[in-house]
């Protein structure tokens, strides 16, 4: 999920236990210093932070075939796994509902 942060969350699908890991350090190699050597010397707890978290996963969020497919009433494209929007009583993809990350050029 894109929140504009650089982090990773790992969920054990059997136990539902989850951890979130993110880069904590603001230190960077000096100009010309080897990046791999620099980070190898830093202790893990200086580079990363780890939190135990709860992630509310729905069946639509899990890997595998789609659980649900809707058809956008405007463009006709498939919309999988509850990512559709209902606007003015119409089932729409996010792009047709006004939330597109792209602009069609044709």
PDB file of N, CA and C in Angstrom:
ATOM      1  N   UNK A   1       0.855  -1.166   0.000  1.00  0.00           N
ATOM      2  CA  UNK A   1       0.000   0.000   0.000  1.00  0.00           C
ATOM      3  C   UNK A   1       0.895   1.222   0.000  1.00  0.00           C
ATOM      4  N   UNK A   2       0.585   2.146  -0.855  1.00  0.00           N
ATOM      5  CA  UNK A   2       1.454   3.307  -1.029  1.00  0.00           C
ATOM      6  C   UNK A   2       1.009   4.454  -0.131  1.00  0.00           C
ATOM      7  N   UNK A   3       1.799   4.725   0.892  1.00  0.00           N
ATOM      8  CA  UNK A   3       1.564   5.846   1.789  1.00  0.00           C
ATOM      9  C   UNK A   3       2.693   6.866   1.671  1.00  0.00           C
ATOM     10  N   UNK A   4       3.526   6.721   0.631  1.00  0.00           N
ATOM     11  CA  UNK A   4       4.638   7.639   0.449  1.00  0.00           C
ATOM     12  C   UNK A   4       5.786   7.399   1.413  1.00  0.00           C
ATOM     13  N   UNK A   5       5.846   6.240   2.027  1.00  0.00           N
ATOM     14  CA  UNK A   5       6.908   5.897   2.963  1.00  0.00           C
ATOM     15  C   UNK A   5       7.664   4.683   2.430  1.00  0.00           C
ATOM     16  N   UNK A   6       8.905   4.548   2.853  1.00  0.00           N
ATOM     17  CA  UNK A   6       9.680   3.379   2.478  1.00  0.00           C
ATOM     18  C   UNK A   6       9.707   2.446   3.676  1.00  0.00           C
ATOM     19  N   UNK A   7       8.863   1.441   3.625  1.00  0.00           N
ATOM     20  CA  UNK A   7       8.735   0.474   4.710  1.00  0.00           C
ATOM     21  C   UNK A   7       8.210  -0.818   4.113  1.00  0.00           C
ATOM     22  N   UNK A   8       8.326  -1.880   4.872  1.00  0.00           N
ATOM     23  CA  UNK A   8       7.781  -3.169   4.447  1.00  0.00           C
ATOM     24  C   UNK A   8       7.061  -3.789   5.630  1.00  0.00           C
ATOM     25  N   UNK A   9       5.915  -4.388   5.367  1.00  0.00           N
ATOM     26  CA  UNK A   9       5.163  -5.093   6.391  1.00  0.00           C
ATOM     27  C   UNK A   9       5.050  -6.540   5.967  1.00  0.00           C
ATOM     28  N   UNK A  10       5.384  -7.432   6.882  1.00  0.00           N
ATOM     29  CA  UNK A  10       5.347  -8.864   6.624  1.00  0.00           C
ATOM     30  C   UNK A  10       4.299  -9.485   7.524  1.00  0.00           C
ATOM     31  N   UNK A  11       3.391 -10.260   6.926  1.00  0.00           N
ATOM     32  CA  UNK A  11       2.300 -10.875   7.676  1.00  0.00           C
ATOM     33  C   UNK A  11       2.388 -12.388   7.520  1.00  0.00           C
ATOM     34  N   UNK A  12       2.359 -13.093   8.642  1.00  0.00           N
ATOM     35  CA  UNK A  12       2.253 -14.547   8.620  1.00  0.00           C
ATOM     36  C   UNK A  12       0.771 -14.856   8.445  1.00  0.00           C
ATOM     37  N   UNK A  13       0.399 -15.390   7.286  1.00  0.00           N
ATOM     38  CA  UNK A  13      -1.010 -15.615   6.979  1.00  0.00           C
ATOM     39  C   UNK A  13      -1.637 -16.697   7.846  1.00  0.00           C
ATOM     40  N   UNK A  14      -0.827 -17.560   8.435  1.00  0.00           N
ATOM     41  CA  UNK A  14      -1.363 -18.605   9.312  1.00  0.00           C
ATOM     42  C   UNK A  14      -1.666 -18.072  10.709  1.00  0.00           C
ATOM     43  N   UNK A  15      -0.745 -17.288  11.266  1.00  0.00           N
ATOM     44  CA  UNK A  15      -0.896 -16.823  12.655  1.00  0.00           C
ATOM     45  C   UNK A  15      -1.432 -15.393  12.740  1.00  0.00           C
ATOM     46  N   UNK A  16      -1.422 -14.668  11.618  1.00  0.00           N
ATOM     47  CA  UNK A  16      -1.836 -13.252  11.550  1.00  0.00           C
ATOM     48  C   UNK A  16      -0.853 -12.318  12.245  1.00  0.00           C
ATOM     49  N   UNK A  17       0.282 -12.842  12.747  1.00  0.00           N
ATOM     50  CA  UNK A  17       1.298 -11.982  13.333  1.00  0.00           C
ATOM     51  C   UNK A  17       1.963 -11.181  12.222  1.00  0.00           C
ATOM     52  N   UNK A  18       2.296  -9.920  12.527  1.00  0.00           N
ATOM     53  CA  UNK A  18       2.879  -9.064  11.500  1.00  0.00           C
ATOM     54  C   UNK A  18       3.926  -8.139  12.102  1.00  0.00           C
ATOM     55  N   UNK A  19       4.913  -7.793  11.291  1.00  0.00           N
ATOM     56  CA  UNK A  19       5.922  -6.809  11.670  1.00  0.00           C
ATOM     57  C   UNK A  19       6.078  -5.804  10.534  1.00  0.00           C
ATOM     58  N   UNK A  20       6.367  -4.585  10.930  1.00  0.00           N
ATOM     59  CA  UNK A  20       6.628  -3.504   9.976  1.00  0.00           C
ATOM     60  C   UNK A  20       8.054  -3.052  10.205  1.00  0.00           C
ATOM     61  N   UNK A  21       8.808  -2.929   9.123  1.00  0.00           N
ATOM     62  CA  UNK A  21      10.221  -2.567   9.192  1.00  0.00           C
ATOM     63  C   UNK A  21      10.439  -1.334   8.326  1.00  0.00           C
ATOM     64  N   UNK A  22      11.156  -0.357   8.875  1.00  0.00           N
ATOM     65  CA  UNK A  22      11.476   0.819   8.074  1.00  0.00           C
ATOM     66  C   UNK A  22      12.879   1.302   8.371  1.00  0.00           C
ATOM     67  N   UNK A  23      13.414   2.051   7.410  1.00  0.00           N
ATOM     68  CA  UNK A  23      14.761   2.617   7.550  1.00  0.00           C
ATOM     69  C   UNK A  23      14.689   3.783   8.517  1.00  0.00           C
ATOM     70  N   UNK A  24      15.545   3.722   9.540  1.00  0.00           N
ATOM     71  CA  UNK A  24      15.535   4.753  10.566  1.00  0.00           C
ATOM     72  C   UNK A  24      16.699   5.725  10.417  1.00  0.00           C
ATOM     73  N   UNK A  25      17.839   5.234  10.006  1.00  0.00           N
ATOM     74  CA  UNK A  25      19.040   6.067   9.992  1.00  0.00           C
ATOM     75  C   UNK A  25      18.932   7.176   8.950  1.00  0.00           C
ATOM     76  N   UNK A  26      19.522   8.279   9.288  1.00  0.00           N
ATOM     77  CA  UNK A  26      19.640   9.395   8.342  1.00  0.00           C
ATOM     78  C   UNK A  26      21.096   9.558   7.906  1.00  0.00           C
ATOM     79  N   UNK A  27      21.930   8.621   8.368  1.00  0.00           N
ATOM     80  CA  UNK A  27      23.345   8.665   7.998  1.00  0.00           C
ATOM     81  C   UNK A  27      23.513   8.106   6.597  1.00  0.00           C
ATOM     82  N   UNK A  28      24.438   8.669   5.867  1.00  0.00           N
ATOM     83  CA  UNK A  28      24.725   8.232   4.503  1.00  0.00           C
ATOM     84  C   UNK A  28      26.236   8.158   4.307  1.00  0.00           C
ATOM     85  N   UNK A  29      26.672   7.335   3.374  1.00  0.00           N
ATOM     86  CA  UNK A  29      28.112   7.271   3.100  1.00  0.00           C
ATOM     87  C   UNK A  29      28.640   8.632   2.656  1.00  0.00           C
ATOM     88  N   UNK A  30      29.867   8.893   3.009  1.00  0.00           N
ATOM     89  CA  UNK A  30      30.517  10.120   2.553  1.00  0.00           C
ATOM     90  C   UNK A  30      30.788  10.026   1.056  1.00  0.00           C
ATOM     91  N   UNK A  31      31.005  11.139   0.448  1.00  0.00           N
ATOM     92  CA  UNK A  31      31.314  11.187  -0.986  1.00  0.00           C
ATOM     93  C   UNK A  31      32.480  10.245  -1.281  1.00  0.00           C
ATOM     94  N   UNK A  32      32.286   9.321  -2.199  1.00  0.00           N
ATOM     95  CA  UNK A  32      33.313   8.381  -2.591  1.00  0.00           C
ATOM     96  C   UNK A  32      33.426   7.140  -1.704  1.00  0.00           C
ATOM     97  N   UNK A  33      32.721   7.124  -0.574  1.00  0.00           N
ATOM     98  CA  UNK A  33      32.763   5.968   0.319  1.00  0.00           C
ATOM     99  C   UNK A  33      31.889   4.850  -0.248  1.00  0.00           C
ATOM    100  N   UNK A  34      32.343   3.623  -0.121  1.00  0.00           N
ATOM    101  CA  UNK A  34      31.595   2.474  -0.629  1.00  0.00           C
ATOM    102  C   UNK A  34      30.314   2.275   0.192  1.00  0.00           C
ATOM    103  N   UNK A  35      29.177   2.288  -0.475  1.00  0.00           N
ATOM    104  CA  UNK A  35      27.880   2.208   0.197  1.00  0.00           C
ATOM    105  C   UNK A  35      27.697   0.887   0.946  1.00  0.00           C
ATOM    106  N   UNK A  36      28.065  -0.212   0.327  1.00  0.00           N
ATOM    107  CA  UNK A  36      27.892  -1.518   0.961  1.00  0.00           C
ATOM    108  C   UNK A  36      28.745  -1.607   2.219  1.00  0.00           C
ATOM    109  N   UNK A  37      29.987  -1.209   2.143  1.00  0.00           N
ATOM    110  CA  UNK A  37      30.873  -1.240   3.308  1.00  0.00           C
ATOM    111  C   UNK A  37      30.338  -0.334   4.413  1.00  0.00           C
ATOM    112  N   UNK A  38      29.849   0.844   4.061  1.00  0.00           N
ATOM    113  CA  UNK A  38      29.305   1.785   5.039  1.00  0.00           C
ATOM    114  C   UNK A  38      28.164   1.142   5.824  1.00  0.00           C
ATOM    115  N   UNK A  39      27.188   0.571   5.112  1.00  0.00           N
ATOM    116  CA  UNK A  39      26.021   0.010   5.785  1.00  0.00           C
ATOM    117  C   UNK A  39      26.335  -1.307   6.499  1.00  0.00           C
ATOM    118  N   UNK A  40      27.321  -2.052   6.020  1.00  0.00           N
ATOM    119  CA  UNK A  40      27.721  -3.277   6.724  1.00  0.00           C
ATOM    120  C   UNK A  40      28.270  -2.961   8.115  1.00  0.00           C
ATOM    121  N   UNK A  41      28.889  -1.798   8.271  1.00  0.00           N
ATOM    122  CA  UNK A  41      29.485  -1.420   9.550  1.00  0.00           C
ATOM    123  C   UNK A  41      28.448  -0.921  10.558  1.00  0.00           C
ATOM    124  N   UNK A  42      27.295  -0.463  10.089  1.00  0.00           N
ATOM    125  CA  UNK A  42      26.275   0.050  11.005  1.00  0.00           C
ATOM    126  C   UNK A  42      25.505  -1.106  11.637  1.00  0.00           C
ATOM    127  N   UNK A  43      25.227  -1.022  12.926  1.00  0.00           N
ATOM    128  CA  UNK A  43      24.409  -2.067  13.555  1.00  0.00           C
ATOM    129  C   UNK A  43      22.980  -2.018  13.002  1.00  0.00           C
ATOM    130  N   UNK A  44      22.341  -3.183  12.911  1.00  0.00           N
ATOM    131  CA  UNK A  44      20.984  -3.267  12.367  1.00  0.00           C
ATOM    132  C   UNK A  44      20.026  -2.324  13.081  1.00  0.00           C
ATOM    133  N   UNK A  45      20.140  -2.231  14.418  1.00  0.00           N
ATOM    134  CA  UNK A  45      19.197  -1.396  15.161  1.00  0.00           C
ATOM    135  C   UNK A  45      19.418   0.094  14.942  1.00  0.00           C
ATOM    136  N   UNK A  46      20.521   0.464  14.317  1.00  0.00           N
ATOM    137  CA  UNK A  46      20.720   1.861  13.936  1.00  0.00           C
ATOM    138  C   UNK A  46      20.125   2.118  12.551  1.00  0.00           C
ATOM    139  N   UNK A  47      20.126   1.113  11.721  1.00  0.00           N
ATOM    140  CA  UNK A  47      19.605   1.273  10.361  1.00  0.00           C
ATOM    141  C   UNK A  47      18.085   1.147  10.328  1.00  0.00           C
ATOM    142  N   UNK A  48      17.550   0.151  11.024  1.00  0.00           N
ATOM    143  CA  UNK A  48      16.132  -0.189  10.921  1.00  0.00           C
ATOM    144  C   UNK A  48      15.409  -0.059  12.243  1.00  0.00           C
ATOM    145  N   UNK A  49      14.112   0.127  12.143  1.00  0.00           N
ATOM    146  CA  UNK A  49      13.201   0.011  13.277  1.00  0.00           C
ATOM    147  C   UNK A  49      12.188  -1.072  12.919  1.00  0.00           C
ATOM    148  N   UNK A  50      11.792  -1.834  13.919  1.00  0.00           N
ATOM    149  CA  UNK A  50      10.831  -2.919  13.718  1.00  0.00           C
ATOM    150  C   UNK A  50       9.701  -2.739  14.723  1.00  0.00           C
ATOM    151  N   UNK A  51       8.475  -2.816  14.232  1.00  0.00           N
ATOM    152  CA  UNK A  51       7.298  -2.733  15.089  1.00  0.00           C
ATOM    153  C   UNK A  51       6.450  -3.972  14.876  1.00  0.00           C
ATOM    154  N   UNK A  52       5.882  -4.493  15.951  1.00  0.00           N
ATOM    155  CA  UNK A  52       4.833  -5.501  15.811  1.00  0.00           C
ATOM    156  C   UNK A  52       3.561  -4.727  15.491  1.00  0.00           C
ATOM    157  N   UNK A  53       2.831  -5.172  14.488  1.00  0.00           N
ATOM    158  CA  UNK A  53       1.622  -4.474  14.058  1.00  0.00           C
ATOM    159  C   UNK A  53       0.494  -5.462  13.808  1.00  0.00           C
ATOM    160  N   UNK A  54      -0.694  -4.943  13.711  1.00  0.00           N
ATOM    161  CA  UNK A  54      -1.845  -5.720  13.296  1.00  0.00           C
ATOM    162  C   UNK A  54      -2.267  -5.214  11.926  1.00  0.00           C
ATOM    163  N   UNK A  55      -2.495  -6.116  11.007  1.00  0.00           N
ATOM    164  CA  UNK A  55      -2.945  -5.753   9.670  1.00  0.00           C
ATOM    165  C   UNK A  55      -4.286  -6.435   9.438  1.00  0.00           C
ATOM    166  N   UNK A  56      -5.304  -5.635   9.169  1.00  0.00           N
ATOM    167  CA  UNK A  56      -6.641  -6.162   8.937  1.00  0.00           C
ATOM    168  C   UNK A  56      -6.749  -6.577   7.470  1.00  0.00           C
ATOM    169  N   UNK A  57      -6.343  -7.818   7.198  1.00  0.00           N
ATOM    170  CA  UNK A  57      -6.395  -8.318   5.825  1.00  0.00           C
ATOM    171  C   UNK A  57      -7.775  -8.884   5.524  1.00  0.00           C
ATOM    172  N   UNK A  58      -8.307  -8.458   4.407  1.00  0.00           N
ATOM    173  CA  UNK A  58      -9.577  -8.981   3.936  1.00  0.00           C
ATOM    174  C   UNK A  58      -9.281 -10.017   2.851  1.00  0.00           C
ATOM    175  N   UNK A  59     -10.188 -10.912   2.554  1.00  0.00           N
ATOM    176  CA  UNK A  59      -9.941 -11.920   1.514  1.00  0.00           C
ATOM    177  C   UNK A  59      -9.470 -11.301   0.191  1.00  0.00           C
ATOM    178  N   UNK A  60      -9.965 -10.105  -0.133  1.00  0.00           N
ATOM    179  CA  UNK A  60      -9.571  -9.435  -1.375  1.00  0.00           C
ATOM    180  C   UNK A  60      -8.120  -8.964  -1.365  1.00  0.00           C
ATOM    181  N   UNK A  61      -7.516  -8.851  -0.182  1.00  0.00           N
ATOM    182  CA  UNK A  61      -6.135  -8.384  -0.077  1.00  0.00           C
ATOM    183  C   UNK A  61      -5.115  -9.503  -0.201  1.00  0.00           C
ATOM    184  N   UNK A  62      -5.565 -10.736  -0.117  1.00  0.00           N
ATOM    185  CA  UNK A  62      -4.645 -11.870  -0.116  1.00  0.00           C
ATOM    186  C   UNK A  62      -4.201 -12.237  -1.525  1.00  0.00           C
ATOM    187  N   UNK A  63      -3.020 -12.835  -1.646  1.00  0.00           N
ATOM    188  CA  UNK A  63      -2.571 -13.283  -2.967  1.00  0.00           C
ATOM    189  C   UNK A  63      -3.499 -14.358  -3.526  1.00  0.00           C
ATOM    190  N   UNK A  64      -3.476 -14.500  -4.826  1.00  0.00           N
ATOM    191  CA  UNK A  64      -4.285 -15.527  -5.469  1.00  0.00           C
ATOM    192  C   UNK A  64      -5.254 -14.917  -6.460  1.00  0.00           C
ATOM    193  N   UNK A  65      -6.128 -15.749  -6.988  1.00  0.00           N
ATOM    194  CA  UNK A  65      -7.081 -15.246  -7.979  1.00  0.00           C
ATOM    195  C   UNK A  65      -8.034 -14.239  -7.344  1.00  0.00           C
ATOM    196  N   UNK A  66      -8.614 -13.354  -8.158  1.00  0.00           N
ATOM    197  CA  UNK A  66      -9.546 -12.359  -7.621  1.00  0.00           C
ATOM    198  C   UNK A  66     -10.719 -13.015  -6.905  1.00  0.00           C
ATOM    199  N   UNK A  67     -11.134 -12.383  -5.818  1.00  0.00           N
ATOM    200  CA  UNK A  67     -12.297 -12.834  -5.066  1.00  0.00           C
ATOM    201  C   UNK A  67     -13.559 -12.239  -5.688  1.00  0.00           C
ATOM    202  N   UNK A  68     -13.415 -11.059  -6.259  1.00  0.00           N
ATOM    203  CA  UNK A  68     -14.550 -10.328  -6.815  1.00  0.00           C
ATOM    204  C   UNK A  68     -14.100  -9.573  -8.059  1.00  0.00           C
ATOM    205  N   UNK A  69     -14.946  -9.514  -9.058  1.00  0.00           N
ATOM    206  CA  UNK A  69     -14.670  -8.719 -10.261  1.00  0.00           C
ATOM    207  C   UNK A  69     -15.919  -7.911 -10.577  1.00  0.00           C
ATOM    208  N   UNK A  70     -15.737  -6.599 -10.733  1.00  0.00           N
ATOM    209  CA  UNK A  70     -16.798  -5.702 -11.181  1.00  0.00           C
ATOM    210  C   UNK A  70     -16.383  -5.151 -12.538  1.00  0.00           C
ATOM    211  N   UNK A  71     -17.327  -4.624 -13.283  1.00  0.00           N
ATOM    212  CA  UNK A  71     -17.043  -3.988 -14.564  1.00  0.00           C
ATOM    213  C   UNK A  71     -17.366  -2.500 -14.414  1.00  0.00           C
ATOM    214  N   UNK A  72     -16.408  -1.653 -14.787  1.00  0.00           N
ATOM    215  CA  UNK A  72     -16.636  -0.212 -14.729  1.00  0.00           C
ATOM    216  C   UNK A  72     -17.727   0.154 -15.737  1.00  0.00           C
ATOM    217  N   UNK A  73     -18.747   0.834 -15.264  1.00  0.00           N
ATOM    218  CA  UNK A  73     -19.865   1.216 -16.123  1.00  0.00           C
ATOM    219  C   UNK A  73     -19.512   2.359 -17.065  1.00  0.00           C
ATOM    220  N   UNK A  74     -18.338   2.943 -16.926  1.00  0.00           N
ATOM    221  CA  UNK A  74     -17.927   4.025 -17.821  1.00  0.00           C
ATOM    222  C   UNK A  74     -16.954   3.530 -18.893  1.00  0.00           C
ATOM    223  N   UNK A  75     -15.853   2.896 -18.485  1.00  0.00           N
ATOM    224  CA  UNK A  75     -14.834   2.489 -19.455  1.00  0.00           C
ATOM    225  C   UNK A  75     -14.916   1.016 -19.826  1.00  0.00           C
ATOM    226  N   UNK A  76     -15.632   0.224 -19.041  1.00  0.00           N
ATOM    227  CA  UNK A  76     -15.783  -1.196 -19.344  1.00  0.00           C
ATOM    228  C   UNK A  76     -14.652  -2.087 -18.870  1.00  0.00           C
ATOM    229  N   UNK A  77     -13.660  -1.522 -18.178  1.00  0.00           N
ATOM    230  CA  UNK A  77     -12.549  -2.343 -17.688  1.00  0.00           C
ATOM    231  C   UNK A  77     -12.944  -3.118 -16.443  1.00  0.00           C
ATOM    232  N   UNK A  78     -12.292  -4.281 -16.262  1.00  0.00           N
ATOM    233  CA  UNK A  78     -12.486  -5.066 -15.048  1.00  0.00           C
ATOM    234  C   UNK A  78     -11.882  -4.330 -13.851  1.00  0.00           C
ATOM    235  N   UNK A  79     -12.545  -4.459 -12.710  1.00  0.00           N
ATOM    236  CA  UNK A  79     -12.044  -3.917 -11.444  1.00  0.00           C
ATOM    237  C   UNK A  79     -12.072  -5.073 -10.462  1.00  0.00           C
ATOM    238  N   UNK A  80     -10.917  -5.447  -9.942  1.00  0.00           N
ATOM    239  CA  UNK A  80     -10.851  -6.623  -9.073  1.00  0.00           C
ATOM    240  C   UNK A  80     -10.839  -6.254  -7.598  1.00  0.00           C
ATOM    241  N   UNK A  81     -11.360  -7.150  -6.827  1.00  0.00           N
ATOM    242  CA  UNK A  81     -11.204  -7.193  -5.375  1.00  0.00           C
ATOM    243  C   UNK A  81     -11.561  -5.901  -4.637  1.00  0.00           C
ATOM    244  N   UNK A  82     -12.768  -5.472  -4.815  1.00  0.00           N
ATOM    245  CA  UNK A  82     -13.343  -4.348  -4.046  1.00  0.00           C
ATOM    246  C   UNK A  82     -12.600  -3.036  -4.234  1.00  0.00           C
ATOM    247  N   UNK A  83     -11.983  -2.850  -5.363  1.00  0.00           N
ATOM    248  CA  UNK A  83     -11.285  -1.591  -5.618  1.00  0.00           C
ATOM    249  C   UNK A  83     -12.132  -0.657  -6.482  1.00  0.00           C
ATOM    250  N   UNK A  84     -13.396  -0.974  -6.606  1.00  0.00           N
ATOM    251  CA  UNK A  84     -14.304  -0.120  -7.362  1.00  0.00           C
ATOM    252  C   UNK A  84     -14.860   0.989  -6.464  1.00  0.00           C
ATOM    253  N   UNK A  85     -15.477   1.967  -7.098  1.00  0.00           N
ATOM    254  CA  UNK A  85     -16.104   3.088  -6.409  1.00  0.00           C
ATOM    255  C   UNK A  85     -17.549   3.139  -6.893  1.00  0.00           C
ATOM    256  N   UNK A  86     -18.478   3.407  -5.994  1.00  0.00           N
ATOM    257  CA  UNK A  86     -19.861   3.626  -6.403  1.00  0.00           C
ATOM    258  C   UNK A  86     -20.110   5.127  -6.331  1.00  0.00           C
ATOM    259  N   UNK A  87     -20.378   5.725  -7.491  1.00  0.00           N
ATOM    260  CA  UNK A  87     -20.572   7.171  -7.570  1.00  0.00           C
ATOM    261  C   UNK A  87     -21.858   7.425  -8.334  1.00  0.00           C
ATOM    262  N   UNK A  88     -22.766   8.158  -7.729  1.00  0.00           N
ATOM    263  CA  UNK A  88     -24.076   8.418  -8.336  1.00  0.00           C
ATOM    264  C   UNK A  88     -24.756   7.122  -8.755  1.00  0.00           C
ATOM    265  N   UNK A  89     -24.597   6.081  -7.941  1.00  0.00           N
ATOM    266  CA  UNK A  89     -25.250   4.797  -8.196  1.00  0.00           C
ATOM    267  C   UNK A  89     -24.588   3.950  -9.268  1.00  0.00           C
ATOM    268  N   UNK A  90     -23.452   4.405  -9.825  1.00  0.00           N
ATOM    269  CA  UNK A  90     -22.749   3.655 -10.873  1.00  0.00           C
ATOM    270  C   UNK A  90     -21.484   3.031 -10.310  1.00  0.00           C
ATOM    271  N   UNK A  91     -21.177   1.814 -10.742  1.00  0.00           N
ATOM    272  CA  UNK A  91     -19.916   1.157 -10.382  1.00  0.00           C
ATOM    273  C   UNK A  91     -18.843   1.689 -11.324  1.00  0.00           C
ATOM    274  N   UNK A  92     -17.807   2.289 -10.746  1.00  0.00           N
ATOM    275  CA  UNK A  92     -16.735   2.896 -11.541  1.00  0.00           C
ATOM    276  C   UNK A  92     -15.377   2.435 -11.042  1.00  0.00           C
ATOM    277  N   UNK A  93     -14.409   2.411 -11.947  1.00  0.00           N
ATOM    278  CA  UNK A  93     -13.022   2.240 -11.528  1.00  0.00           C
ATOM    279  C   UNK A  93     -12.575   3.572 -10.931  1.00  0.00           C
ATOM    280  N   UNK A  94     -11.478   3.550 -10.180  1.00  0.00           N
ATOM    281  CA  UNK A  94     -11.012   4.777  -9.533  1.00  0.00           C
ATOM    282  C   UNK A  94     -10.658   5.851 -10.554  1.00  0.00           C
ATOM    283  N   UNK A  95     -10.150   5.433 -11.705  1.00  0.00           N
ATOM    284  CA  UNK A  95      -9.785   6.411 -12.727  1.00  0.00           C
ATOM    285  C   UNK A  95     -11.027   7.154 -13.222  1.00  0.00           C
ATOM    286  N   UNK A  96     -12.086   6.419 -13.526  1.00  0.00           N
ATOM    287  CA  UNK A  96     -13.309   7.051 -14.027  1.00  0.00           C
ATOM    288  C   UNK A  96     -14.033   7.839 -12.940  1.00  0.00           C
ATOM    289  N   UNK A  97     -13.763   7.507 -11.688  1.00  0.00           N
ATOM    290  CA  UNK A  97     -14.379   8.239 -10.576  1.00  0.00           C
ATOM    291  C   UNK A  97     -13.615   9.512 -10.262  1.00  0.00           C
ATOM    292  N   UNK A  98     -12.548   9.769 -11.005  1.00  0.00           N
ATOM    293  CA  UNK A  98     -11.792  11.003 -10.817  1.00  0.00           C
ATOM    294  C   UNK A  98     -10.525  10.861 -10.006  1.00  0.00           C
ATOM    295  N   UNK A  99     -10.054   9.631  -9.796  1.00  0.00           N
ATOM    296  CA  UNK A  99      -8.862   9.432  -8.992  1.00  0.00           C
ATOM    297  C   UNK A  99      -7.728   8.799  -9.752  1.00  0.00           C
ATOM    298  N   UNK A 100      -7.584   9.141 -11.027  1.00  0.00           N
ATOM    299  CA  UNK A 100      -6.565   8.488 -11.861  1.00  0.00           C
ATOM    300  C   UNK A 100      -5.176   9.051 -11.613  1.00  0.00           C
ATOM    301  N   UNK A 101      -4.196   8.190 -11.753  1.00  0.00           N
ATOM    302  CA  UNK A 101      -2.791   8.609 -11.686  1.00  0.00           C
ATOM    303  C   UNK A 101      -2.259   8.904 -13.081  1.00  0.00           C
ATOM    304  N   UNK A 102      -3.092   8.724 -14.093  1.00  0.00           N
ATOM    305  CA  UNK A 102      -2.667   8.961 -15.479  1.00  0.00           C
ATOM    306  C   UNK A 102      -3.714   9.787 -16.209  1.00  0.00           C
ATOM    307  N   UNK A 103      -3.291  10.372 -17.345  1.00  0.00           N
ATOM    308  CA  UNK A 103      -4.186  11.113 -18.219  1.00  0.00           C
ATOM    309  C   UNK A 103      -4.114  10.468 -19.597  1.00  0.00           C
ATOM    310  N   UNK A 104      -5.254  10.100 -20.138  1.00  0.00           N
ATOM    311  CA  UNK A 104      -5.304   9.494 -21.476  1.00  0.00           C
ATOM    312  C   UNK A 104      -4.983  10.567 -22.496  1.00  0.00           C
ATOM    313  N   UNK A 105      -4.076  10.275 -23.424  1.00  0.00           N
ATOM    314  CA  UNK A 105      -3.626  11.232 -24.416  1.00  0.00           C
ATOM    315  C   UNK A 105      -4.353  11.136 -25.751  1.00  0.00           C
ATOM    316  N   UNK A 106      -5.075  10.055 -25.996  1.00  0.00           N
ATOM    317  CA  UNK A 106      -5.725   9.889 -27.291  1.00  0.00           C
ATOM    318  C   UNK A 106      -7.017  10.666 -27.357  1.00  0.00           C
TER     319      UNK A 106
END
